[in-house]
Amino acid sequence: MNLAHLVKSLPFGLSYREAAARIGLPYQRVRLAMIRDKYPVADGRGFSQNGRRKLNPALLDWSKSNIALARQWKCSRERVRTLRQKLGLPKIESRGRRKKSR
């Protein structure tokens, strides 16, 4: 039996590790086959495999810091920073920090 057929016969919602254990093949090989066959995976963090998390700039309160926005939207502060930069919005200084004077 080929690997694609084995992956298609699995019940939905397994993690990569669970699927590899059921099939009895190495984790990485099963993982790549599942990705190739677009198997809906539960990745162990309680939600299905998603594409990039999309932020709607109109819904964000840009007066908040990048860290506060990242916590609110459950994404990285780097994602918020790059979005702020892409939109041409001014940087927000973190509270309690001052720029070094030269």
PDB file of N, CA and C in Angstrom:
ATOM      1  N   MET A   1       0.840  -1.182   0.000  1.00  0.00           N
ATOM      2  CA  MET A   1       0.000   0.000   0.000  1.00  0.00           C
ATOM      3  C   MET A   1       0.889   1.250   0.000  1.00  0.00           C
ATOM      4  N   ASN A   2       0.535   2.243  -0.806  1.00  0.00           N
ATOM      5  CA  ASN A   2       1.364   3.446  -0.810  1.00  0.00           C
ATOM      6  C   ASN A   2       0.957   4.399   0.314  1.00  0.00           C
ATOM      7  N   LEU A   3       1.834   5.350   0.583  1.00  0.00           N
ATOM      8  CA  LEU A   3       1.648   6.260   1.709  1.00  0.00           C
ATOM      9  C   LEU A   3       0.439   7.171   1.525  1.00  0.00           C
ATOM     10  N   ALA A   4       0.184   7.638   0.311  1.00  0.00           N
ATOM     11  CA  ALA A   4      -0.965   8.514   0.061  1.00  0.00           C
ATOM     12  C   ALA A   4      -2.271   7.803   0.414  1.00  0.00           C
ATOM     13  N   HIS A   5      -2.358   6.529   0.086  1.00  0.00           N
ATOM     14  CA  HIS A   5      -3.567   5.761   0.399  1.00  0.00           C
ATOM     15  C   HIS A   5      -3.717   5.602   1.911  1.00  0.00           C
ATOM     16  N   LEU A   6      -2.610   5.376   2.615  1.00  0.00           N
ATOM     17  CA  LEU A   6      -2.659   5.251   4.070  1.00  0.00           C
ATOM     18  C   LEU A   6      -3.100   6.552   4.732  1.00  0.00           C
ATOM     19  N   VAL A   7      -2.596   7.671   4.218  1.00  0.00           N
ATOM     20  CA  VAL A   7      -2.969   8.975   4.785  1.00  0.00           C
ATOM     21  C   VAL A   7      -4.452   9.246   4.576  1.00  0.00           C
ATOM     22  N   LYS A   8      -4.961   8.925   3.387  1.00  0.00           N
ATOM     23  CA  LYS A   8      -6.382   9.155   3.095  1.00  0.00           C
ATOM     24  C   LYS A   8      -7.300   8.268   3.927  1.00  0.00           C
ATOM     25  N   SER A   9      -6.793   7.136   4.404  1.00  0.00           N
ATOM     26  CA  SER A   9      -7.622   6.234   5.198  1.00  0.00           C
ATOM     27  C   SER A   9      -7.665   6.625   6.685  1.00  0.00           C
ATOM     28  N   LEU A  10      -6.863   7.608   7.090  1.00  0.00           N
ATOM     29  CA  LEU A  10      -6.839   8.039   8.492  1.00  0.00           C
ATOM     30  C   LEU A  10      -8.091   8.841   8.834  1.00  0.00           C
ATOM     31  N   PRO A  11      -8.568   8.766  10.088  1.00  0.00           N
ATOM     32  CA  PRO A  11      -9.685   9.626  10.497  1.00  0.00           C
ATOM     33  C   PRO A  11      -9.205  11.080  10.578  1.00  0.00           C
ATOM     34  N   PHE A  12     -10.104  12.026  10.376  1.00  0.00           N
ATOM     35  CA  PHE A  12      -9.730  13.435  10.385  1.00  0.00           C
ATOM     36  C   PHE A  12      -9.382  13.917  11.789  1.00  0.00           C
ATOM     37  N   GLY A  13      -8.503  14.915  11.843  1.00  0.00           N
ATOM     38  CA  GLY A  13      -8.200  15.597  13.098  1.00  0.00           C
ATOM     39  C   GLY A  13      -7.065  15.019  13.906  1.00  0.00           C
ATOM     40  N   LEU A  14      -6.280  14.124  13.358  1.00  0.00           N
ATOM     41  CA  LEU A  14      -5.132  13.592  14.088  1.00  0.00           C
ATOM     42  C   LEU A  14      -3.962  14.561  13.978  1.00  0.00           C
ATOM     43  N   SER A  15      -3.066  14.522  14.947  1.00  0.00           N
ATOM     44  CA  SER A  15      -1.836  15.293  14.836  1.00  0.00           C
ATOM     45  C   SER A  15      -0.850  14.482  14.002  1.00  0.00           C
ATOM     46  N   TYR A  16       0.234  15.111  13.596  1.00  0.00           N
ATOM     47  CA  TYR A  16       1.252  14.410  12.814  1.00  0.00           C
ATOM     48  C   TYR A  16       1.798  13.220  13.594  1.00  0.00           C
ATOM     49  N   ARG A  17       2.041  13.441  14.885  1.00  0.00           N
ATOM     50  CA  ARG A  17       2.613  12.389  15.723  1.00  0.00           C
ATOM     51  C   ARG A  17       1.657  11.201  15.857  1.00  0.00           C
ATOM     52  N   GLU A  18       0.373  11.488  16.065  1.00  0.00           N
ATOM     53  CA  GLU A  18      -0.614  10.405  16.175  1.00  0.00           C
ATOM     54  C   GLU A  18      -0.726   9.625  14.863  1.00  0.00           C
ATOM     55  N   ALA A  19      -0.717  10.352  13.748  1.00  0.00           N
ATOM     56  CA  ALA A  19      -0.815   9.687  12.445  1.00  0.00           C
ATOM     57  C   ALA A  19       0.401   8.802  12.184  1.00  0.00           C
ATOM     58  N   ALA A  20       1.588   9.296  12.525  1.00  0.00           N
ATOM     59  CA  ALA A  20       2.806   8.508  12.334  1.00  0.00           C
ATOM     60  C   ALA A  20       2.775   7.239  13.194  1.00  0.00           C
ATOM     61  N   ALA A  21       2.249   7.364  14.405  1.00  0.00           N
ATOM     62  CA  ALA A  21       2.155   6.195  15.284  1.00  0.00           C
ATOM     63  C   ALA A  21       1.162   5.175  14.728  1.00  0.00           C
ATOM     64  N   ARG A  22       0.043   5.642  14.194  1.00  0.00           N
ATOM     65  CA  ARG A  22      -0.953   4.724  13.634  1.00  0.00           C
ATOM     66  C   ARG A  22      -0.447   4.009  12.389  1.00  0.00           C
ATOM     67  N   ILE A  23       0.252   4.751  11.528  1.00  0.00           N
ATOM     68  CA  ILE A  23       0.749   4.158  10.285  1.00  0.00           C
ATOM     69  C   ILE A  23       1.990   3.307  10.550  1.00  0.00           C
ATOM     70  N   GLY A  24       2.789   3.726  11.538  1.00  0.00           N
ATOM     71  CA  GLY A  24       3.994   2.971  11.861  1.00  0.00           C
ATOM     72  C   GLY A  24       5.191   3.338  11.006  1.00  0.00           C
ATOM     73  N   LEU A  25       5.206   4.564  10.503  1.00  0.00           N
ATOM     74  CA  LEU A  25       6.316   5.066   9.693  1.00  0.00           C
ATOM     75  C   LEU A  25       6.937   6.274  10.381  1.00  0.00           C
ATOM     76  N   PRO A  26       8.138   6.689   9.955  1.00  0.00           N
ATOM     77  CA  PRO A  26       8.781   7.844  10.584  1.00  0.00           C
ATOM     78  C   PRO A  26       7.933   9.112  10.498  1.00  0.00           C
ATOM     79  N   TYR A  27       8.004   9.911  11.553  1.00  0.00           N
ATOM     80  CA  TYR A  27       7.220  11.137  11.708  1.00  0.00           C
ATOM     81  C   TYR A  27       7.348  12.057  10.495  1.00  0.00           C
ATOM     82  N   GLN A  28       8.580  12.382  10.092  1.00  0.00           N
ATOM     83  CA  GLN A  28       8.803  13.351   9.021  1.00  0.00           C
ATOM     84  C   GLN A  28       8.215  12.876   7.693  1.00  0.00           C
ATOM     85  N   ARG A  29       8.334  11.602   7.422  1.00  0.00           N
ATOM     86  CA  ARG A  29       7.804  11.056   6.165  1.00  0.00           C
ATOM     87  C   ARG A  29       6.276  11.151   6.128  1.00  0.00           C
ATOM     88  N   VAL A  30       5.640  10.828   7.249  1.00  0.00           N
ATOM     89  CA  VAL A  30       4.181  10.905   7.341  1.00  0.00           C
ATOM     90  C   VAL A  30       3.732  12.369   7.278  1.00  0.00           C
ATOM     91  N   ARG A  31       4.455  13.250   7.965  1.00  0.00           N
ATOM     92  CA  ARG A  31       4.116  14.672   7.973  1.00  0.00           C
ATOM     93  C   ARG A  31       4.135  15.251   6.556  1.00  0.00           C
ATOM     94  N   LEU A  32       5.176  14.966   5.805  1.00  0.00           N
ATOM     95  CA  LEU A  32       5.277  15.475   4.440  1.00  0.00           C
ATOM     96  C   LEU A  32       4.157  14.928   3.550  1.00  0.00           C
ATOM     97  N   ALA A  33       3.816  13.669   3.735  1.00  0.00           N
ATOM     98  CA  ALA A  33       2.729  13.078   2.955  1.00  0.00           C
ATOM     99  C   ALA A  33       1.393  13.728   3.308  1.00  0.00           C
ATOM    100  N   MET A  34       1.189  14.034   4.593  1.00  0.00           N
ATOM    101  CA  MET A  34      -0.055  14.666   5.024  1.00  0.00           C
ATOM    102  C   MET A  34      -0.169  16.088   4.478  1.00  0.00           C
ATOM    103  N   ILE A  35       0.930  16.803   4.446  1.00  0.00           N
ATOM    104  CA  ILE A  35       0.928  18.161   3.894  1.00  0.00           C
ATOM    105  C   ILE A  35       0.652  18.105   2.395  1.00  0.00           C
ATOM    106  N   ARG A  36       1.298  17.205   1.706  1.00  0.00           N
ATOM    107  CA  ARG A  36       1.122  17.064   0.260  1.00  0.00           C
ATOM    108  C   ARG A  36      -0.321  16.709  -0.096  1.00  0.00           C
ATOM    109  N   ASP A  37      -0.957  15.851   0.722  1.00  0.00           N
ATOM    110  CA  ASP A  37      -2.331  15.413   0.457  1.00  0.00           C
ATOM    111  C   ASP A  37      -3.376  16.337   1.087  1.00  0.00           C
ATOM    112  N   LYS A  38      -2.929  17.447   1.699  1.00  0.00           N
ATOM    113  CA  LYS A  38      -3.821  18.448   2.311  1.00  0.00           C
ATOM    114  C   LYS A  38      -4.755  17.833   3.351  1.00  0.00           C
ATOM    115  N   TYR A  39      -4.174  16.984   4.199  1.00  0.00           N
ATOM    116  CA  TYR A  39      -4.914  16.361   5.285  1.00  0.00           C
ATOM    117  C   TYR A  39      -5.173  17.413   6.365  1.00  0.00           C
ATOM    118  N   PRO A  40      -6.415  17.562   6.873  1.00  0.00           N
ATOM    119  CA  PRO A  40      -6.698  18.554   7.920  1.00  0.00           C
ATOM    120  C   PRO A  40      -6.134  18.091   9.264  1.00  0.00           C
ATOM    121  N   VAL A  41      -5.065  18.713   9.698  1.00  0.00           N
ATOM    122  CA  VAL A  41      -4.307  18.278  10.867  1.00  0.00           C
ATOM    123  C   VAL A  41      -4.666  19.075  12.105  1.00  0.00           C
ATOM    124  N   ALA A  42      -4.714  18.394  13.242  1.00  0.00           N
ATOM    125  CA  ALA A  42      -4.747  19.065  14.535  1.00  0.00           C
ATOM    126  C   ALA A  42      -3.298  19.117  14.977  1.00  0.00           C
ATOM    127  N   ASP A  43      -2.747  20.307  15.144  1.00  0.00           N
ATOM    128  CA  ASP A  43      -1.309  20.417  15.387  1.00  0.00           C
ATOM    129  C   ASP A  43      -0.921  20.331  16.854  1.00  0.00           C
ATOM    130  N   GLY A  44      -1.838  19.971  17.738  1.00  0.00           N
ATOM    131  CA  GLY A  44      -1.487  19.801  19.138  1.00  0.00           C
ATOM    132  C   GLY A  44      -1.686  21.048  19.973  1.00  0.00           C
ATOM    133  N   ARG A  45      -2.002  22.184  19.343  1.00  0.00           N
ATOM    134  CA  ARG A  45      -2.228  23.408  20.102  1.00  0.00           C
ATOM    135  C   ARG A  45      -3.715  23.751  20.179  1.00  0.00           C
ATOM    136  N   GLY A  46      -4.555  22.836  19.766  1.00  0.00           N
ATOM    137  CA  GLY A  46      -5.982  23.015  19.919  1.00  0.00           C
ATOM    138  C   GLY A  46      -6.692  23.649  18.737  1.00  0.00           C
ATOM    139  N   PHE A  47      -6.032  23.819  17.623  1.00  0.00           N
ATOM    140  CA  PHE A  47      -6.714  24.325  16.443  1.00  0.00           C
ATOM    141  C   PHE A  47      -6.128  23.684  15.199  1.00  0.00           C
ATOM    142  N   SER A  48      -6.874  23.749  14.121  1.00  0.00           N
ATOM    143  CA  SER A  48      -6.443  23.125  12.876  1.00  0.00           C
ATOM    144  C   SER A  48      -5.354  23.933  12.212  1.00  0.00           C
ATOM    145  N   GLN A  49      -4.722  23.323  11.279  1.00  0.00           N
ATOM    146  CA  GLN A  49      -3.652  23.955  10.519  1.00  0.00           C
ATOM    147  C   GLN A  49      -4.230  25.142   9.754  1.00  0.00           C
ATOM    148  N   ASN A  50      -3.709  26.324   9.995  1.00  0.00           N
ATOM    149  CA  ASN A  50      -4.193  27.541   9.343  1.00  0.00           C
ATOM    150  C   ASN A  50      -3.099  28.164   8.511  1.00  0.00           C
ATOM    151  N   GLY A  51      -3.504  28.951   7.542  1.00  0.00           N
ATOM    152  CA  GLY A  51      -2.539  29.750   6.799  1.00  0.00           C
ATOM    153  C   GLY A  51      -2.102  30.914   7.665  1.00  0.00           C
ATOM    154  N   ARG A  52      -1.489  31.901   7.057  1.00  0.00           N
ATOM    155  CA  ARG A  52      -1.034  33.063   7.808  1.00  0.00           C
ATOM    156  C   ARG A  52      -2.228  33.765   8.451  1.00  0.00           C
ATOM    157  N   ARG A  53      -2.053  34.148   9.704  1.00  0.00           N
ATOM    158  CA  ARG A  53      -3.112  34.862  10.417  1.00  0.00           C
ATOM    159  C   ARG A  53      -3.251  36.243   9.795  1.00  0.00           C
ATOM    160  N   LYS A  54      -4.465  36.606   9.413  1.00  0.00           N
ATOM    161  CA  LYS A  54      -4.677  37.879   8.731  1.00  0.00           C
ATOM    162  C   LYS A  54      -5.208  38.911   9.713  1.00  0.00           C
ATOM    163  N   LEU A  55      -4.578  40.052   9.725  1.00  0.00           N
ATOM    164  CA  LEU A  55      -5.007  41.158  10.570  1.00  0.00           C
ATOM    165  C   LEU A  55      -5.708  42.189   9.702  1.00  0.00           C
ATOM    166  N   ASN A  56      -6.803  42.697  10.186  1.00  0.00           N
ATOM    167  CA  ASN A  56      -7.520  43.747   9.487  1.00  0.00           C
ATOM    168  C   ASN A  56      -7.055  45.083  10.068  1.00  0.00           C
ATOM    169  N   PRO A  57      -6.291  45.874   9.311  1.00  0.00           N
ATOM    170  CA  PRO A  57      -5.748  47.130   9.838  1.00  0.00           C
ATOM    171  C   PRO A  57      -6.821  48.104  10.303  1.00  0.00           C
ATOM    172  N   ALA A  58      -8.011  48.030   9.734  1.00  0.00           N
ATOM    173  CA  ALA A  58      -9.079  48.953  10.130  1.00  0.00           C
ATOM    174  C   ALA A  58      -9.574  48.670  11.547  1.00  0.00           C
ATOM    175  N   LEU A  59      -9.408  47.443  12.015  1.00  0.00           N
ATOM    176  CA  LEU A  59      -9.889  47.073  13.347  1.00  0.00           C
ATOM    177  C   LEU A  59      -8.868  47.319  14.454  1.00  0.00           C
ATOM    178  N   LEU A  60      -7.637  47.632  14.099  1.00  0.00           N
ATOM    179  CA  LEU A  60      -6.588  47.816  15.104  1.00  0.00           C
ATOM    180  C   LEU A  60      -6.579  49.234  15.641  1.00  0.00           C
ATOM    181  N   ASP A  61      -6.303  49.358  16.929  1.00  0.00           N
ATOM    182  CA  ASP A  61      -6.146  50.669  17.570  1.00  0.00           C
ATOM    183  C   ASP A  61      -4.657  50.999  17.543  1.00  0.00           C
ATOM    184  N   TRP A  62      -4.236  51.777  16.574  1.00  0.00           N
ATOM    185  CA  TRP A  62      -2.819  52.019  16.333  1.00  0.00           C
ATOM    186  C   TRP A  62      -2.168  52.913  17.376  1.00  0.00           C
ATOM    187  N   SER A  63      -2.935  53.412  18.353  1.00  0.00           N
ATOM    188  CA  SER A  63      -2.319  54.194  19.430  1.00  0.00           C
ATOM    189  C   SER A  63      -1.671  53.276  20.474  1.00  0.00           C
ATOM    190  N   LYS A  64      -1.998  51.978  20.429  1.00  0.00           N
ATOM    191  CA  LYS A  64      -1.407  51.004  21.355  1.00  0.00           C
ATOM    192  C   LYS A  64      -0.026  50.591  20.867  1.00  0.00           C
ATOM    193  N   SER A  65       0.745  50.013  21.774  1.00  0.00           N
ATOM    194  CA  SER A  65       2.084  49.536  21.409  1.00  0.00           C
ATOM    195  C   SER A  65       1.974  48.252  20.585  1.00  0.00           C
ATOM    196  N   ASN A  66       3.068  47.905  19.918  1.00  0.00           N
ATOM    197  CA  ASN A  66       3.097  46.684  19.117  1.00  0.00           C
ATOM    198  C   ASN A  66       2.860  45.449  19.977  1.00  0.00           C
ATOM    199  N   ILE A  67       3.405  45.464  21.175  1.00  0.00           N
ATOM    200  CA  ILE A  67       3.248  44.318  22.075  1.00  0.00           C
ATOM    201  C   ILE A  67       1.797  44.148  22.489  1.00  0.00           C
ATOM    202  N   ALA A  68       1.134  45.265  22.817  1.00  0.00           N
ATOM    203  CA  ALA A  68      -0.275  45.197  23.224  1.00  0.00           C
ATOM    204  C   ALA A  68      -1.149  44.701  22.073  1.00  0.00           C
ATOM    205  N   LEU A  69      -0.879  45.188  20.872  1.00  0.00           N
ATOM    206  CA  LEU A  69      -1.650  44.740  19.704  1.00  0.00           C
ATOM    207  C   LEU A  69      -1.388  43.266  19.413  1.00  0.00           C
ATOM    208  N   ALA A  70      -0.146  42.820  19.560  1.00  0.00           N
ATOM    209  CA  ALA A  70       0.194  41.416  19.317  1.00  0.00           C
ATOM    210  C   ALA A  70      -0.520  40.506  20.310  1.00  0.00           C
ATOM    211  N   ARG A  71      -0.586  40.912  21.560  1.00  0.00           N
ATOM    212  CA  ARG A  71      -1.298  40.116  22.569  1.00  0.00           C
ATOM    213  C   ARG A  71      -2.788  40.062  22.264  1.00  0.00           C
ATOM    214  N   GLN A  72      -3.345  41.200  21.864  1.00  0.00           N
ATOM    215  CA  GLN A  72      -4.773  41.271  21.563  1.00  0.00           C
ATOM    216  C   GLN A  72      -5.143  40.377  20.382  1.00  0.00           C
ATOM    217  N   TRP A  73      -4.321  40.369  19.340  1.00  0.00           N
ATOM    218  CA  TRP A  73      -4.630  39.638  18.118  1.00  0.00           C
ATOM    219  C   TRP A  73      -3.944  38.281  18.036  1.00  0.00           C
ATOM    220  N   LYS A  74      -3.214  37.897  19.106  1.00  0.00           N
ATOM    221  CA  LYS A  74      -2.547  36.586  19.191  1.00  0.00           C
ATOM    222  C   LYS A  74      -1.643  36.326  17.987  1.00  0.00           C
ATOM    223  N   CYS A  75      -0.770  37.286  17.722  1.00  0.00           N
ATOM    224  CA  CYS A  75       0.226  37.137  16.671  1.00  0.00           C
ATOM    225  C   CYS A  75       1.539  37.696  17.233  1.00  0.00           C
ATOM    226  N   SER A  76       2.584  37.697  16.454  1.00  0.00           N
ATOM    227  CA  SER A  76       3.864  38.189  16.938  1.00  0.00           C
ATOM    228  C   SER A  76       3.927  39.712  16.847  1.00  0.00           C
ATOM    229  N   ARG A  77       4.748  40.315  17.697  1.00  0.00           N
ATOM    230  CA  ARG A  77       4.897  41.772  17.625  1.00  0.00           C
ATOM    231  C   ARG A  77       5.627  42.170  16.347  1.00  0.00           C
ATOM    232  N   GLU A  78       6.425  41.256  15.803  1.00  0.00           N
ATOM    233  CA  GLU A  78       7.090  41.523  14.531  1.00  0.00           C
ATOM    234  C   GLU A  78       6.065  41.657  13.408  1.00  0.00           C
ATOM    235  N   ARG A  79       5.012  40.840  13.453  1.00  0.00           N
ATOM    236  CA  ARG A  79       3.937  40.933  12.459  1.00  0.00           C
ATOM    237  C   ARG A  79       3.255  42.297  12.539  1.00  0.00           C
ATOM    238  N   VAL A  80       3.002  42.768  13.761  1.00  0.00           N
ATOM    239  CA  VAL A  80       2.385  44.082  13.951  1.00  0.00           C
ATOM    240  C   VAL A  80       3.334  45.180  13.485  1.00  0.00           C
ATOM    241  N   ARG A  81       4.621  45.043  13.802  1.00  0.00           N
ATOM    242  CA  ARG A  81       5.597  46.059  13.411  1.00  0.00           C
ATOM    243  C   ARG A  81       5.682  46.191  11.888  1.00  0.00           C
ATOM    244  N   THR A  82       5.737  45.048  11.189  1.00  0.00           N
ATOM    245  CA  THR A  82       5.842  45.109   9.732  1.00  0.00           C
ATOM    246  C   THR A  82       4.572  45.673   9.107  1.00  0.00           C
ATOM    247  N   LEU A  83       3.417  45.361   9.694  1.00  0.00           N
ATOM    248  CA  LEU A  83       2.164  45.914   9.184  1.00  0.00           C
ATOM    249  C   LEU A  83       2.121  47.428   9.396  1.00  0.00           C
ATOM    250  N   ARG A  84       2.575  47.867  10.574  1.00  0.00           N
ATOM    251  CA  ARG A  84       2.632  49.309  10.868  1.00  0.00           C
ATOM    252  C   ARG A  84       3.561  50.006   9.878  1.00  0.00           C
ATOM    253  N   GLN A  85       4.689  49.389   9.595  1.00  0.00           N
ATOM    254  CA  GLN A  85       5.663  49.969   8.664  1.00  0.00           C
ATOM    255  C   GLN A  85       5.101  50.000   7.243  1.00  0.00           C
ATOM    256  N   LYS A  86       4.414  48.925   6.843  1.00  0.00           N
ATOM    257  CA  LYS A  86       3.838  48.839   5.502  1.00  0.00           C
ATOM    258  C   LYS A  86       2.785  49.921   5.272  1.00  0.00           C
ATOM    259  N   LEU A  87       2.013  50.220   6.324  1.00  0.00           N
ATOM    260  CA  LEU A  87       0.964  51.230   6.221  1.00  0.00           C
ATOM    261  C   LEU A  87       1.490  52.652   6.384  1.00  0.00           C
ATOM    262  N   GLY A  88       2.768  52.785   6.744  1.00  0.00           N
ATOM    263  CA  GLY A  88       3.373  54.104   6.907  1.00  0.00           C
ATOM    264  C   GLY A  88       2.949  54.821   8.173  1.00  0.00           C
ATOM    265  N   LEU A  89       2.561  54.055   9.180  1.00  0.00           N
ATOM    266  CA  LEU A  89       2.151  54.649  10.450  1.00  0.00           C
ATOM    267  C   LEU A  89       3.380  54.931  11.308  1.00  0.00           C
ATOM    268  N   PRO A  90       3.309  55.954  12.174  1.00  0.00           N
ATOM    269  CA  PRO A  90       4.476  56.279  13.005  1.00  0.00           C
ATOM    270  C   PRO A  90       4.743  55.208  14.063  1.00  0.00           C
ATOM    271  N   LYS A  91       6.006  55.113  14.459  1.00  0.00           N
ATOM    272  CA  LYS A  91       6.397  54.170  15.506  1.00  0.00           C
ATOM    273  C   LYS A  91       5.857  54.669  16.840  1.00  0.00           C
ATOM    274  N   ILE A  92       5.544  53.748  17.717  1.00  0.00           N
ATOM    275  CA  ILE A  92       5.102  54.080  19.071  1.00  0.00           C
ATOM    276  C   ILE A  92       6.239  53.710  20.006  1.00  0.00           C
ATOM    277  N   GLU A  93       6.664  54.662  20.824  1.00  0.00           N
ATOM    278  CA  GLU A  93       7.729  54.359  21.781  1.00  0.00           C
ATOM    279  C   GLU A  93       7.159  53.561  22.937  1.00  0.00           C
ATOM    280  N   SER A  94       7.899  52.558  23.377  1.00  0.00           N
ATOM    281  CA  SER A  94       7.477  51.766  24.518  1.00  0.00           C
ATOM    282  C   SER A  94       7.480  52.631  25.764  1.00  0.00           C
ATOM    283  N   ARG A  95       6.519  52.401  26.617  1.00  0.00           N
ATOM    284  CA  ARG A  95       6.453  53.185  27.859  1.00  0.00           C
ATOM    285  C   ARG A  95       7.636  52.835  28.747  1.00  0.00           C
ATOM    286  N   GLY A  96       8.211  53.835  29.381  1.00  0.00           N
ATOM    287  CA  GLY A  96       9.318  53.608  30.289  1.00  0.00           C
ATOM    288  C   GLY A  96      10.677  53.581  29.613  1.00  0.00           C
ATOM    289  N   ARG A  97      10.724  53.755  28.315  1.00  0.00           N
ATOM    290  CA  ARG A  97      11.995  53.779  27.602  1.00  0.00           C
ATOM    291  C   ARG A  97      12.162  55.121  26.921  1.00  0.00           C
ATOM    292  N   ARG A  98      13.349  55.585  26.914  1.00  0.00           N
ATOM    293  CA  ARG A  98      13.647  56.832  26.201  1.00  0.00           C
ATOM    294  C   ARG A  98      14.712  56.562  25.169  1.00  0.00           C
ATOM    295  N   LYS A  99      14.721  57.363  24.138  1.00  0.00           N
ATOM    296  CA  LYS A  99      15.765  57.234  23.148  1.00  0.00           C
ATOM    297  C   LYS A  99      17.078  57.704  23.745  1.00  0.00           C
ATOM    298  N   LYS A 100      18.155  57.010  23.381  1.00  0.00           N
ATOM    299  CA  LYS A 100      19.463  57.398  23.875  1.00  0.00           C
ATOM    300  C   LYS A 100      19.893  58.688  23.209  1.00  0.00           C
ATOM    301  N   SER A 101      20.377  59.612  23.991  1.00  0.00           N
ATOM    302  CA  SER A 101      20.890  60.857  23.405  1.00  0.00           C
ATOM    303  C   SER A 101      22.368  60.660  23.126  1.00  0.00           C
ATOM    304  N   ARG A 102      22.802  61.100  21.962  1.00  0.00           N
ATOM    305  CA  ARG A 102      24.203  60.888  21.570  1.00  0.00           C
ATOM    306  C   ARG A 102      25.026  62.087  21.821  1.00  0.00           C
TER     307      ARG A 102
END
